[in-house]
Amino acid sequence: VARRDQRGVLGTLLPQRLSDGDRERVM
């Protein structure tokens, strides 16, 4: 979330915002 928001402001992290690729990167 921090990477996508270049202002450095973290919004609410919703599960549907993560793609399969995102989950793979987290793992």
mmCIF file of all heavy atoms, coordinates in Angstrom:
data_MODEL
# 
_entry.id   MODEL 
# 
loop_
_atom_site.group_PDB 
_atom_site.id 
_atom_site.type_symbol 
_atom_site.label_atom_id 
_atom_site.label_alt_id 
_atom_site.label_comp_id 
_atom_site.label_asym_id 
_atom_site.label_entity_id 
_atom_site.label_seq_id 
_atom_site.pdbx_PDB_ins_code 
_atom_site.Cartn_x 
_atom_site.Cartn_y 
_atom_site.Cartn_z 
_atom_site.occupancy 
_atom_site.B_iso_or_equiv 
_atom_site.pdbx_formal_charge 
_atom_site.auth_seq_id 
_atom_site.auth_comp_id 
_atom_site.auth_asym_id 
_atom_site.auth_atom_id 
_atom_site.pdbx_PDB_model_num 
ATOM 1   N N   . VAL A 1 1  ? 0.834   -1.204  0.000  1.00 0.00 ? 1  VAL A N   1 
ATOM 2   C CA  . VAL A 1 1  ? 0.000   0.000   0.000  1.00 0.00 ? 1  VAL A CA  1 
ATOM 3   C C   . VAL A 1 1  ? 0.867   1.251   0.000  1.00 0.00 ? 1  VAL A C   1 
ATOM 4   O O   . VAL A 1 1  ? 0.618   2.225   -0.713 1.00 0.00 ? 1  VAL A O   1 
ATOM 5   C CB  . VAL A 1 1  ? -0.953  0.005   1.207  1.00 0.00 ? 1  VAL A CB  1 
ATOM 6   C CG1 . VAL A 1 1  ? -1.838  1.244   1.186  1.00 0.00 ? 1  VAL A CG1 1 
ATOM 7   C CG2 . VAL A 1 1  ? -1.810  -1.252  1.197  1.00 0.00 ? 1  VAL A CG2 1 
ATOM 8   N N   . ALA A 1 2  ? 1.940   1.226   0.801  1.00 0.00 ? 2  ALA A N   1 
ATOM 9   C CA  . ALA A 1 2  ? 2.844   2.376   0.866  1.00 0.00 ? 2  ALA A CA  1 
ATOM 10  C C   . ALA A 1 2  ? 3.483   2.643   -0.483 1.00 0.00 ? 2  ALA A C   1 
ATOM 11  O O   . ALA A 1 2  ? 3.692   3.791   -0.881 1.00 0.00 ? 2  ALA A O   1 
ATOM 12  C CB  . ALA A 1 2  ? 3.907   2.131   1.922  1.00 0.00 ? 2  ALA A CB  1 
ATOM 13  N N   . ARG A 1 3  ? 3.825   1.591   -1.228 1.00 0.00 ? 3  ARG A N   1 
ATOM 14  C CA  . ARG A 1 3  ? 4.454   1.762   -2.544 1.00 0.00 ? 3  ARG A CA  1 
ATOM 15  C C   . ARG A 1 3  ? 3.495   2.433   -3.511 1.00 0.00 ? 3  ARG A C   1 
ATOM 16  O O   . ARG A 1 3  ? 3.874   3.296   -4.287 1.00 0.00 ? 3  ARG A O   1 
ATOM 17  C CB  . ARG A 1 3  ? 4.861   0.388   -3.084 1.00 0.00 ? 3  ARG A CB  1 
ATOM 18  C CG  . ARG A 1 3  ? 5.321   0.396   -4.539 1.00 0.00 ? 3  ARG A CG  1 
ATOM 19  C CD  . ARG A 1 3  ? 6.804   0.679   -4.649 1.00 0.00 ? 3  ARG A CD  1 
ATOM 20  N NE  . ARG A 1 3  ? 7.250   0.695   -6.028 1.00 0.00 ? 3  ARG A NE  1 
ATOM 21  C CZ  . ARG A 1 3  ? 8.335   0.081   -6.467 1.00 0.00 ? 3  ARG A CZ  1 
ATOM 22  N NH1 . ARG A 1 3  ? 9.078   -0.610  -5.647 1.00 0.00 ? 3  ARG A NH1 1 
ATOM 23  N NH2 . ARG A 1 3  ? 8.706   0.169   -7.719 1.00 0.00 ? 3  ARG A NH2 1 
ATOM 24  N N   . ARG A 1 4  ? 2.215   2.053   -3.455 1.00 0.00 ? 4  ARG A N   1 
ATOM 25  C CA  . ARG A 1 4  ? 1.250   2.589   -4.410 1.00 0.00 ? 4  ARG A CA  1 
ATOM 26  C C   . ARG A 1 4  ? 0.861   4.021   -4.085 1.00 0.00 ? 4  ARG A C   1 
ATOM 27  O O   . ARG A 1 4  ? 0.529   4.804   -4.959 1.00 0.00 ? 4  ARG A O   1 
ATOM 28  C CB  . ARG A 1 4  ? 0.009   1.700   -4.419 1.00 0.00 ? 4  ARG A CB  1 
ATOM 29  C CG  . ARG A 1 4  ? 0.298   0.346   -5.057 1.00 0.00 ? 4  ARG A CG  1 
ATOM 30  C CD  . ARG A 1 4  ? -0.802  -0.638  -4.783 1.00 0.00 ? 4  ARG A CD  1 
ATOM 31  N NE  . ARG A 1 4  ? -0.446  -1.934  -5.332 1.00 0.00 ? 4  ARG A NE  1 
ATOM 32  C CZ  . ARG A 1 4  ? -1.076  -3.058  -5.018 1.00 0.00 ? 4  ARG A CZ  1 
ATOM 33  N NH1 . ARG A 1 4  ? -2.067  -3.033  -4.172 1.00 0.00 ? 4  ARG A NH1 1 
ATOM 34  N NH2 . ARG A 1 4  ? -0.699  -4.193  -5.557 1.00 0.00 ? 4  ARG A NH2 1 
ATOM 35  N N   . ASP A 1 5  ? 0.878   4.351   -2.800 1.00 0.00 ? 5  ASP A N   1 
ATOM 36  C CA  . ASP A 1 5  ? 0.558   5.710   -2.385 1.00 0.00 ? 5  ASP A CA  1 
ATOM 37  C C   . ASP A 1 5  ? 1.857   6.480   -2.208 1.00 0.00 ? 5  ASP A C   1 
ATOM 38  O O   . ASP A 1 5  ? 2.473   6.437   -1.169 1.00 0.00 ? 5  ASP A O   1 
ATOM 39  C CB  . ASP A 1 5  ? -0.232  5.692   -1.074 1.00 0.00 ? 5  ASP A CB  1 
ATOM 40  C CG  . ASP A 1 5  ? -0.764  7.069   -0.701 1.00 0.00 ? 5  ASP A CG  1 
ATOM 41  O OD1 . ASP A 1 5  ? -0.276  8.062   -1.272 1.00 0.00 ? 5  ASP A OD1 1 
ATOM 42  O OD2 . ASP A 1 5  ? -1.649  7.144   0.145  1.00 0.00 ? 5  ASP A OD2 1 
ATOM 43  N N   . GLN A 1 6  ? 2.305   7.200   -3.252 1.00 0.00 ? 6  GLN A N   1 
ATOM 44  C CA  . GLN A 1 6  ? 3.604   7.851   -3.224 1.00 0.00 ? 6  GLN A CA  1 
ATOM 45  C C   . GLN A 1 6  ? 3.658   8.995   -2.219 1.00 0.00 ? 6  GLN A C   1 
ATOM 46  O O   . GLN A 1 6  ? 4.724   9.469   -1.887 1.00 0.00 ? 6  GLN A O   1 
ATOM 47  C CB  . GLN A 1 6  ? 3.959   8.360   -4.625 1.00 0.00 ? 6  GLN A CB  1 
ATOM 48  C CG  . GLN A 1 6  ? 4.117   7.244   -5.636 1.00 0.00 ? 6  GLN A CG  1 
ATOM 49  C CD  . GLN A 1 6  ? 4.570   7.761   -6.983 1.00 0.00 ? 6  GLN A CD  1 
ATOM 50  O OE1 . GLN A 1 6  ? 5.091   8.867   -7.108 1.00 0.00 ? 6  GLN A OE1 1 
ATOM 51  N NE2 . GLN A 1 6  ? 4.363   6.961   -8.014 1.00 0.00 ? 6  GLN A NE2 1 
ATOM 52  N N   . ARG A 1 7  ? 2.522   9.433   -1.723 1.00 0.00 ? 7  ARG A N   1 
ATOM 53  C CA  . ARG A 1 7  ? 2.534   10.473  -0.701 1.00 0.00 ? 7  ARG A CA  1 
ATOM 54  C C   . ARG A 1 7  ? 2.896   9.905   0.657  1.00 0.00 ? 7  ARG A C   1 
ATOM 55  O O   . ARG A 1 7  ? 3.133   10.647  1.596  1.00 0.00 ? 7  ARG A O   1 
ATOM 56  C CB  . ARG A 1 7  ? 1.150   11.127  -0.606 1.00 0.00 ? 7  ARG A CB  1 
ATOM 57  C CG  . ARG A 1 7  ? 0.709   11.836  -1.876 1.00 0.00 ? 7  ARG A CG  1 
ATOM 58  C CD  . ARG A 1 7  ? -0.752  12.185  -1.788 1.00 0.00 ? 7  ARG A CD  1 
ATOM 59  N NE  . ARG A 1 7  ? -1.552  10.967  -1.638 1.00 0.00 ? 7  ARG A NE  1 
ATOM 60  C CZ  . ARG A 1 7  ? -2.849  10.972  -1.337 1.00 0.00 ? 7  ARG A CZ  1 
ATOM 61  N NH1 . ARG A 1 7  ? -3.471  12.107  -1.134 1.00 0.00 ? 7  ARG A NH1 1 
ATOM 62  N NH2 . ARG A 1 7  ? -3.512  9.834   -1.223 1.00 0.00 ? 7  ARG A NH2 1 
ATOM 63  N N   . GLY A 1 8  ? 2.913   8.553   0.769  1.00 0.00 ? 8  GLY A N   1 
ATOM 64  C CA  . GLY A 1 8  ? 3.254   7.934   2.032  1.00 0.00 ? 8  GLY A CA  1 
ATOM 65  C C   . GLY A 1 8  ? 2.090   7.870   2.994  1.00 0.00 ? 8  GLY A C   1 
ATOM 66  O O   . GLY A 1 8  ? 2.255   7.614   4.175  1.00 0.00 ? 8  GLY A O   1 
ATOM 67  N N   . VAL A 1 9  ? 0.850   8.098   2.509  1.00 0.00 ? 9  VAL A N   1 
ATOM 68  C CA  . VAL A 1 9  ? -0.319  8.045   3.363  1.00 0.00 ? 9  VAL A CA  1 
ATOM 69  C C   . VAL A 1 9  ? -0.983  6.683   3.180  1.00 0.00 ? 9  VAL A C   1 
ATOM 70  O O   . VAL A 1 9  ? -1.399  6.330   2.093  1.00 0.00 ? 9  VAL A O   1 
ATOM 71  C CB  . VAL A 1 9  ? -1.322  9.164   3.009  1.00 0.00 ? 9  VAL A CB  1 
ATOM 72  C CG1 . VAL A 1 9  ? -2.544  9.077   3.911  1.00 0.00 ? 9  VAL A CG1 1 
ATOM 73  C CG2 . VAL A 1 9  ? -0.656  10.530  3.127  1.00 0.00 ? 9  VAL A CG2 1 
ATOM 74  N N   . LEU A 1 10 ? -1.088  5.907   4.247  1.00 0.00 ? 10 LEU A N   1 
ATOM 75  C CA  . LEU A 1 10 ? -1.662  4.572   4.159  1.00 0.00 ? 10 LEU A CA  1 
ATOM 76  C C   . LEU A 1 10 ? -3.172  4.642   4.329  1.00 0.00 ? 10 LEU A C   1 
ATOM 77  O O   . LEU A 1 10 ? -3.687  5.157   5.315  1.00 0.00 ? 10 LEU A O   1 
ATOM 78  C CB  . LEU A 1 10 ? -1.067  3.663   5.241  1.00 0.00 ? 10 LEU A CB  1 
ATOM 79  C CG  . LEU A 1 10 ? 0.431   3.394   5.142  1.00 0.00 ? 10 LEU A CG  1 
ATOM 80  C CD1 . LEU A 1 10 ? 0.841   2.449   6.264  1.00 0.00 ? 10 LEU A CD1 1 
ATOM 81  C CD2 . LEU A 1 10 ? 0.784   2.800   3.804  1.00 0.00 ? 10 LEU A CD2 1 
ATOM 82  N N   . GLY A 1 11 ? -3.887  4.104   3.340  1.00 0.00 ? 11 GLY A N   1 
ATOM 83  C CA  . GLY A 1 11 ? -5.328  3.991   3.454  1.00 0.00 ? 11 GLY A CA  1 
ATOM 84  C C   . GLY A 1 11 ? -5.705  2.660   4.077  1.00 0.00 ? 11 GLY A C   1 
ATOM 85  O O   . GLY A 1 11 ? -4.864  1.923   4.579  1.00 0.00 ? 11 GLY A O   1 
ATOM 86  N N   . THR A 1 12 ? -6.980  2.337   4.068  1.00 0.00 ? 12 THR A N   1 
ATOM 87  C CA  . THR A 1 12 ? -7.442  1.063   4.596  1.00 0.00 ? 12 THR A CA  1 
ATOM 88  C C   . THR A 1 12 ? -7.077  -0.049  3.627  1.00 0.00 ? 12 THR A C   1 
ATOM 89  O O   . THR A 1 12 ? -7.367  0.024   2.440  1.00 0.00 ? 12 THR A O   1 
ATOM 90  C CB  . THR A 1 12 ? -8.966  1.104   4.799  1.00 0.00 ? 12 THR A CB  1 
ATOM 91  O OG1 . THR A 1 12 ? -9.280  2.157   5.692  1.00 0.00 ? 12 THR A OG1 1 
ATOM 92  C CG2 . THR A 1 12 ? -9.456  -0.214  5.385  1.00 0.00 ? 12 THR A CG2 1 
ATOM 93  N N   . LEU A 1 13 ? -6.442  -1.081  4.135  1.00 0.00 ? 13 LEU A N   1 
ATOM 94  C CA  . LEU A 1 13 ? -6.021  -2.194  3.292  1.00 0.00 ? 13 LEU A CA  1 
ATOM 95  C C   . LEU A 1 13 ? -7.144  -3.214  3.232  1.00 0.00 ? 13 LEU A C   1 
ATOM 96  O O   . LEU A 1 13 ? -7.450  -3.877  4.211  1.00 0.00 ? 13 LEU A O   1 
ATOM 97  C CB  . LEU A 1 13 ? -4.758  -2.840  3.865  1.00 0.00 ? 13 LEU A CB  1 
ATOM 98  C CG  . LEU A 1 13 ? -4.182  -3.997  3.039  1.00 0.00 ? 13 LEU A CG  1 
ATOM 99  C CD1 . LEU A 1 13 ? -3.758  -3.491  1.670  1.00 0.00 ? 13 LEU A CD1 1 
ATOM 100 C CD2 . LEU A 1 13 ? -3.023  -4.647  3.756  1.00 0.00 ? 13 LEU A CD2 1 
ATOM 101 N N   . LEU A 1 14 ? -7.783  -3.328  2.085  1.00 0.00 ? 14 LEU A N   1 
ATOM 102 C CA  . LEU A 1 14 ? -8.858  -4.284  1.896  1.00 0.00 ? 14 LEU A CA  1 
ATOM 103 C C   . LEU A 1 14 ? -8.330  -5.512  1.186  1.00 0.00 ? 14 LEU A C   1 
ATOM 104 O O   . LEU A 1 14 ? -7.507  -5.411  0.286  1.00 0.00 ? 14 LEU A O   1 
ATOM 105 C CB  . LEU A 1 14 ? -9.981  -3.641  1.056  1.00 0.00 ? 14 LEU A CB  1 
ATOM 106 C CG  . LEU A 1 14 ? -10.604 -2.365  1.648  1.00 0.00 ? 14 LEU A CG  1 
ATOM 107 C CD1 . LEU A 1 14 ? -11.620 -1.790  0.673  1.00 0.00 ? 14 LEU A CD1 1 
ATOM 108 C CD2 . LEU A 1 14 ? -11.253 -2.668  2.986  1.00 0.00 ? 14 LEU A CD2 1 
ATOM 109 N N   . PRO A 1 15 ? -8.793  -6.711  1.572  1.00 0.00 ? 15 PRO A N   1 
ATOM 110 C CA  . PRO A 1 15 ? -8.284  -7.923  0.948  1.00 0.00 ? 15 PRO A CA  1 
ATOM 111 C C   . PRO A 1 15 ? -8.404  -7.930  -0.562 1.00 0.00 ? 15 PRO A C   1 
ATOM 112 O O   . PRO A 1 15 ? -7.525  -8.416  -1.254 1.00 0.00 ? 15 PRO A O   1 
ATOM 113 C CB  . PRO A 1 15 ? -9.146  -9.022  1.599  1.00 0.00 ? 15 PRO A CB  1 
ATOM 114 C CG  . PRO A 1 15 ? -9.595  -8.443  2.895  1.00 0.00 ? 15 PRO A CG  1 
ATOM 115 C CD  . PRO A 1 15 ? -9.758  -6.968  2.635  1.00 0.00 ? 15 PRO A CD  1 
ATOM 116 N N   . GLN A 1 16 ? -9.501  -7.368  -1.113 1.00 0.00 ? 16 GLN A N   1 
ATOM 117 C CA  . GLN A 1 16 ? -9.689  -7.423  -2.552 1.00 0.00 ? 16 GLN A CA  1 
ATOM 118 C C   . GLN A 1 16 ? -8.714  -6.530  -3.322 1.00 0.00 ? 16 GLN A C   1 
ATOM 119 O O   . GLN A 1 16 ? -8.636  -6.608  -4.538 1.00 0.00 ? 16 GLN A O   1 
ATOM 120 C CB  . GLN A 1 16 ? -11.132 -7.049  -2.928 1.00 0.00 ? 16 GLN A CB  1 
ATOM 121 C CG  . GLN A 1 16 ? -11.553 -5.655  -2.488 1.00 0.00 ? 16 GLN A CG  1 
ATOM 122 C CD  . GLN A 1 16 ? -12.243 -5.679  -1.151 1.00 0.00 ? 16 GLN A CD  1 
ATOM 123 O OE1 . GLN A 1 16 ? -11.927 -6.522  -0.304 1.00 0.00 ? 16 GLN A OE1 1 
ATOM 124 N NE2 . GLN A 1 16 ? -13.207 -4.780  -0.947 1.00 0.00 ? 16 GLN A NE2 1 
ATOM 125 N N   . ARG A 1 17 ? -7.963  -5.697  -2.626 1.00 0.00 ? 17 ARG A N   1 
ATOM 126 C CA  . ARG A 1 17 ? -6.995  -4.849  -3.302 1.00 0.00 ? 17 ARG A CA  1 
ATOM 127 C C   . ARG A 1 17 ? -5.719  -5.608  -3.644 1.00 0.00 ? 17 ARG A C   1 
ATOM 128 O O   . ARG A 1 17 ? -4.874  -5.102  -4.345 1.00 0.00 ? 17 ARG A O   1 
ATOM 129 C CB  . ARG A 1 17 ? -6.654  -3.640  -2.429 1.00 0.00 ? 17 ARG A CB  1 
ATOM 130 C CG  . ARG A 1 17 ? -7.830  -2.696  -2.205 1.00 0.00 ? 17 ARG A CG  1 
ATOM 131 C CD  . ARG A 1 17 ? -7.448  -1.509  -1.361 1.00 0.00 ? 17 ARG A CD  1 
ATOM 132 N NE  . ARG A 1 17 ? -6.459  -0.666  -2.010 1.00 0.00 ? 17 ARG A NE  1 
ATOM 133 C CZ  . ARG A 1 17 ? -5.997  0.475   -1.479 1.00 0.00 ? 17 ARG A CZ  1 
ATOM 134 N NH1 . ARG A 1 17 ? -6.434  0.864   -0.305 1.00 0.00 ? 17 ARG A NH1 1 
ATOM 135 N NH2 . ARG A 1 17 ? -5.102  1.192   -2.107 1.00 0.00 ? 17 ARG A NH2 1 
ATOM 136 N N   . LEU A 1 18 ? -5.565  -6.805  -3.138 1.00 0.00 ? 18 LEU A N   1 
ATOM 137 C CA  . LEU A 1 18 ? -4.363  -7.594  -3.387 1.00 0.00 ? 18 LEU A CA  1 
ATOM 138 C C   . LEU A 1 18 ? -4.617  -8.596  -4.507 1.00 0.00 ? 18 LEU A C   1 
ATOM 139 O O   . LEU A 1 18 ? -5.551  -9.395  -4.445 1.00 0.00 ? 18 LEU A O   1 
ATOM 140 C CB  . LEU A 1 18 ? -3.942  -8.347  -2.125 1.00 0.00 ? 18 LEU A CB  1 
ATOM 141 C CG  . LEU A 1 18 ? -3.449  -7.504  -0.955 1.00 0.00 ? 18 LEU A CG  1 
ATOM 142 C CD1 . LEU A 1 18 ? -3.084  -8.398  0.211  1.00 0.00 ? 18 LEU A CD1 1 
ATOM 143 C CD2 . LEU A 1 18 ? -2.273  -6.644  -1.356 1.00 0.00 ? 18 LEU A CD2 1 
ATOM 144 N N   . SER A 1 19 ? -3.788  -8.553  -5.516 1.00 0.00 ? 19 SER A N   1 
ATOM 145 C CA  . SER A 1 19 ? -3.864  -9.523  -6.601 1.00 0.00 ? 19 SER A CA  1 
ATOM 146 C C   . SER A 1 19 ? -3.119  -10.791 -6.210 1.00 0.00 ? 19 SER A C   1 
ATOM 147 O O   . SER A 1 19 ? -2.432  -10.838 -5.178 1.00 0.00 ? 19 SER A O   1 
ATOM 148 C CB  . SER A 1 19 ? -3.250  -8.932  -7.871 1.00 0.00 ? 19 SER A CB  1 
ATOM 149 O OG  . SER A 1 19 ? -1.851  -8.731  -7.695 1.00 0.00 ? 19 SER A OG  1 
ATOM 150 N N   . ASP A 1 20 ? -3.226  -11.810 -7.053 1.00 0.00 ? 20 ASP A N   1 
ATOM 151 C CA  . ASP A 1 20 ? -2.462  -13.031 -6.801 1.00 0.00 ? 20 ASP A CA  1 
ATOM 152 C C   . ASP A 1 20 ? -0.963  -12.735 -6.810 1.00 0.00 ? 20 ASP A C   1 
ATOM 153 O O   . ASP A 1 20 ? -0.200  -13.303 -6.024 1.00 0.00 ? 20 ASP A O   1 
ATOM 154 C CB  . ASP A 1 20 ? -2.801  -14.089 -7.863 1.00 0.00 ? 20 ASP A CB  1 
ATOM 155 C CG  . ASP A 1 20 ? -4.218  -14.620 -7.709 1.00 0.00 ? 20 ASP A CG  1 
ATOM 156 O OD1 . ASP A 1 20 ? -4.792  -14.465 -6.613 1.00 0.00 ? 20 ASP A OD1 1 
ATOM 157 O OD2 . ASP A 1 20 ? -4.742  -15.179 -8.685 1.00 0.00 ? 20 ASP A OD2 1 
ATOM 158 N N   . GLY A 1 21 ? -0.536  -11.832 -7.722 1.00 0.00 ? 21 GLY A N   1 
ATOM 159 C CA  . GLY A 1 21 ? 0.868   -11.440 -7.770 1.00 0.00 ? 21 GLY A CA  1 
ATOM 160 C C   . GLY A 1 21 ? 1.303   -10.749 -6.500 1.00 0.00 ? 21 GLY A C   1 
ATOM 161 O O   . GLY A 1 21 ? 2.423   -10.957 -6.016 1.00 0.00 ? 21 GLY A O   1 
ATOM 162 N N   . ASP A 1 22 ? 0.409   -9.902  -5.932 1.00 0.00 ? 22 ASP A N   1 
ATOM 163 C CA  . ASP A 1 22 ? 0.713   -9.227  -4.671 1.00 0.00 ? 22 ASP A CA  1 
ATOM 164 C C   . ASP A 1 22 ? 0.920   -10.238 -3.550 1.00 0.00 ? 22 ASP A C   1 
ATOM 165 O O   . ASP A 1 22 ? 1.875   -10.141 -2.771 1.00 0.00 ? 22 ASP A O   1 
ATOM 166 C CB  . ASP A 1 22 ? -0.431  -8.280  -4.288 1.00 0.00 ? 22 ASP A CB  1 
ATOM 167 C CG  . ASP A 1 22 ? -0.514  -7.067  -5.193 1.00 0.00 ? 22 ASP A CG  1 
ATOM 168 O OD1 . ASP A 1 22 ? 0.519   -6.689  -5.784 1.00 0.00 ? 22 ASP A OD1 1 
ATOM 169 O OD2 . ASP A 1 22 ? -1.613  -6.504  -5.310 1.00 0.00 ? 22 ASP A OD2 1 
ATOM 170 N N   . ARG A 1 23 ? 0.031   -11.196 -3.467 1.00 0.00 ? 23 ARG A N   1 
ATOM 171 C CA  . ARG A 1 23 ? 0.128   -12.200 -2.401 1.00 0.00 ? 23 ARG A CA  1 
ATOM 172 C C   . ARG A 1 23 ? 1.401   -13.025 -2.546 1.00 0.00 ? 23 ARG A C   1 
ATOM 173 O O   . ARG A 1 23 ? 2.021   -13.403 -1.545 1.00 0.00 ? 23 ARG A O   1 
ATOM 174 C CB  . ARG A 1 23 ? -1.112  -13.090 -2.420 1.00 0.00 ? 23 ARG A CB  1 
ATOM 175 C CG  . ARG A 1 23 ? -2.395  -12.353 -2.025 1.00 0.00 ? 23 ARG A CG  1 
ATOM 176 C CD  . ARG A 1 23 ? -3.570  -13.295 -1.902 1.00 0.00 ? 23 ARG A CD  1 
ATOM 177 N NE  . ARG A 1 23 ? -4.759  -12.576 -1.458 1.00 0.00 ? 23 ARG A NE  1 
ATOM 178 C CZ  . ARG A 1 23 ? -5.643  -12.008 -2.275 1.00 0.00 ? 23 ARG A CZ  1 
ATOM 179 N NH1 . ARG A 1 23 ? -5.463  -12.100 -3.585 1.00 0.00 ? 23 ARG A NH1 1 
ATOM 180 N NH2 . ARG A 1 23 ? -6.684  -11.366 -1.797 1.00 0.00 ? 23 ARG A NH2 1 
ATOM 181 N N   . GLU A 1 24 ? 1.801   -13.273 -3.780 1.00 0.00 ? 24 GLU A N   1 
ATOM 182 C CA  . GLU A 1 24 ? 3.040   -14.008 -4.009 1.00 0.00 ? 24 GLU A CA  1 
ATOM 183 C C   . GLU A 1 24 ? 4.245   -13.196 -3.541 1.00 0.00 ? 24 GLU A C   1 
ATOM 184 O O   . GLU A 1 24 ? 5.176   -13.730 -2.938 1.00 0.00 ? 24 GLU A O   1 
ATOM 185 C CB  . GLU A 1 24 ? 3.184   -14.352 -5.486 1.00 0.00 ? 24 GLU A CB  1 
ATOM 186 C CG  . GLU A 1 24 ? 4.411   -15.185 -5.808 1.00 0.00 ? 24 GLU A CG  1 
ATOM 187 C CD  . GLU A 1 24 ? 4.494   -15.567 -7.271 1.00 0.00 ? 24 GLU A CD  1 
ATOM 188 O OE1 . GLU A 1 24 ? 3.513   -15.325 -8.015 1.00 0.00 ? 24 GLU A OE1 1 
ATOM 189 O OE2 . GLU A 1 24 ? 5.544   -16.104 -7.685 1.00 0.00 ? 24 GLU A OE2 1 
ATOM 190 N N   . ARG A 1 25 ? 4.221   -11.890 -3.794 1.00 0.00 ? 25 ARG A N   1 
ATOM 191 C CA  . ARG A 1 25 ? 5.321   -11.033 -3.362 1.00 0.00 ? 25 ARG A CA  1 
ATOM 192 C C   . ARG A 1 25 ? 5.393   -10.958 -1.846 1.00 0.00 ? 25 ARG A C   1 
ATOM 193 O O   . ARG A 1 25 ? 6.479   -10.939 -1.256 1.00 0.00 ? 25 ARG A O   1 
ATOM 194 C CB  . ARG A 1 25 ? 5.147   -9.636  -3.963 1.00 0.00 ? 25 ARG A CB  1 
ATOM 195 C CG  . ARG A 1 25 ? 5.374   -9.600  -5.465 1.00 0.00 ? 25 ARG A CG  1 
ATOM 196 C CD  . ARG A 1 25 ? 4.880   -8.319  -6.085 1.00 0.00 ? 25 ARG A CD  1 
ATOM 197 N NE  . ARG A 1 25 ? 5.632   -7.155  -5.658 1.00 0.00 ? 25 ARG A NE  1 
ATOM 198 C CZ  . ARG A 1 25 ? 5.324   -5.908  -6.014 1.00 0.00 ? 25 ARG A CZ  1 
ATOM 199 N NH1 . ARG A 1 25 ? 4.273   -5.680  -6.777 1.00 0.00 ? 25 ARG A NH1 1 
ATOM 200 N NH2 . ARG A 1 25 ? 6.065   -4.908  -5.609 1.00 0.00 ? 25 ARG A NH2 1 
ATOM 201 N N   . VAL A 1 26 ? 4.222   -10.918 -1.188 1.00 0.00 ? 26 VAL A N   1 
ATOM 202 C CA  . VAL A 1 26 ? 4.197   -10.909 0.273  1.00 0.00 ? 26 VAL A CA  1 
ATOM 203 C C   . VAL A 1 26 ? 4.815   -12.185 0.821  1.00 0.00 ? 26 VAL A C   1 
ATOM 204 O O   . VAL A 1 26 ? 5.636   -12.154 1.739  1.00 0.00 ? 26 VAL A O   1 
ATOM 205 C CB  . VAL A 1 26 ? 2.748   -10.742 0.787  1.00 0.00 ? 26 VAL A CB  1 
ATOM 206 C CG1 . VAL A 1 26 ? 2.678   -10.990 2.290  1.00 0.00 ? 26 VAL A CG1 1 
ATOM 207 C CG2 . VAL A 1 26 ? 2.237   -9.338  0.450  1.00 0.00 ? 26 VAL A CG2 1 
ATOM 208 N N   . MET A 1 27 ? 4.452   -13.328 0.228  1.00 0.00 ? 27 MET A N   1 
ATOM 209 C CA  . MET A 1 27 ? 4.997   -14.599 0.692  1.00 0.00 ? 27 MET A CA  1 
ATOM 210 C C   . MET A 1 27 ? 6.501   -14.668 0.443  1.00 0.00 ? 27 MET A C   1 
ATOM 211 O O   . MET A 1 27 ? 7.269   -15.141 1.292  1.00 0.00 ? 27 MET A O   1 
ATOM 212 C CB  . MET A 1 27 ? 4.296   -15.751 -0.019 1.00 0.00 ? 27 MET A CB  1 
ATOM 213 C CG  . MET A 1 27 ? 4.770   -17.135 0.435  1.00 0.00 ? 27 MET A CG  1 
ATOM 214 S SD  . MET A 1 27 ? 4.652   -17.383 2.240  1.00 0.00 ? 27 MET A SD  1 
ATOM 215 C CE  . MET A 1 27 ? 2.854   -17.281 2.459  1.00 0.00 ? 27 MET A CE  1 
# 
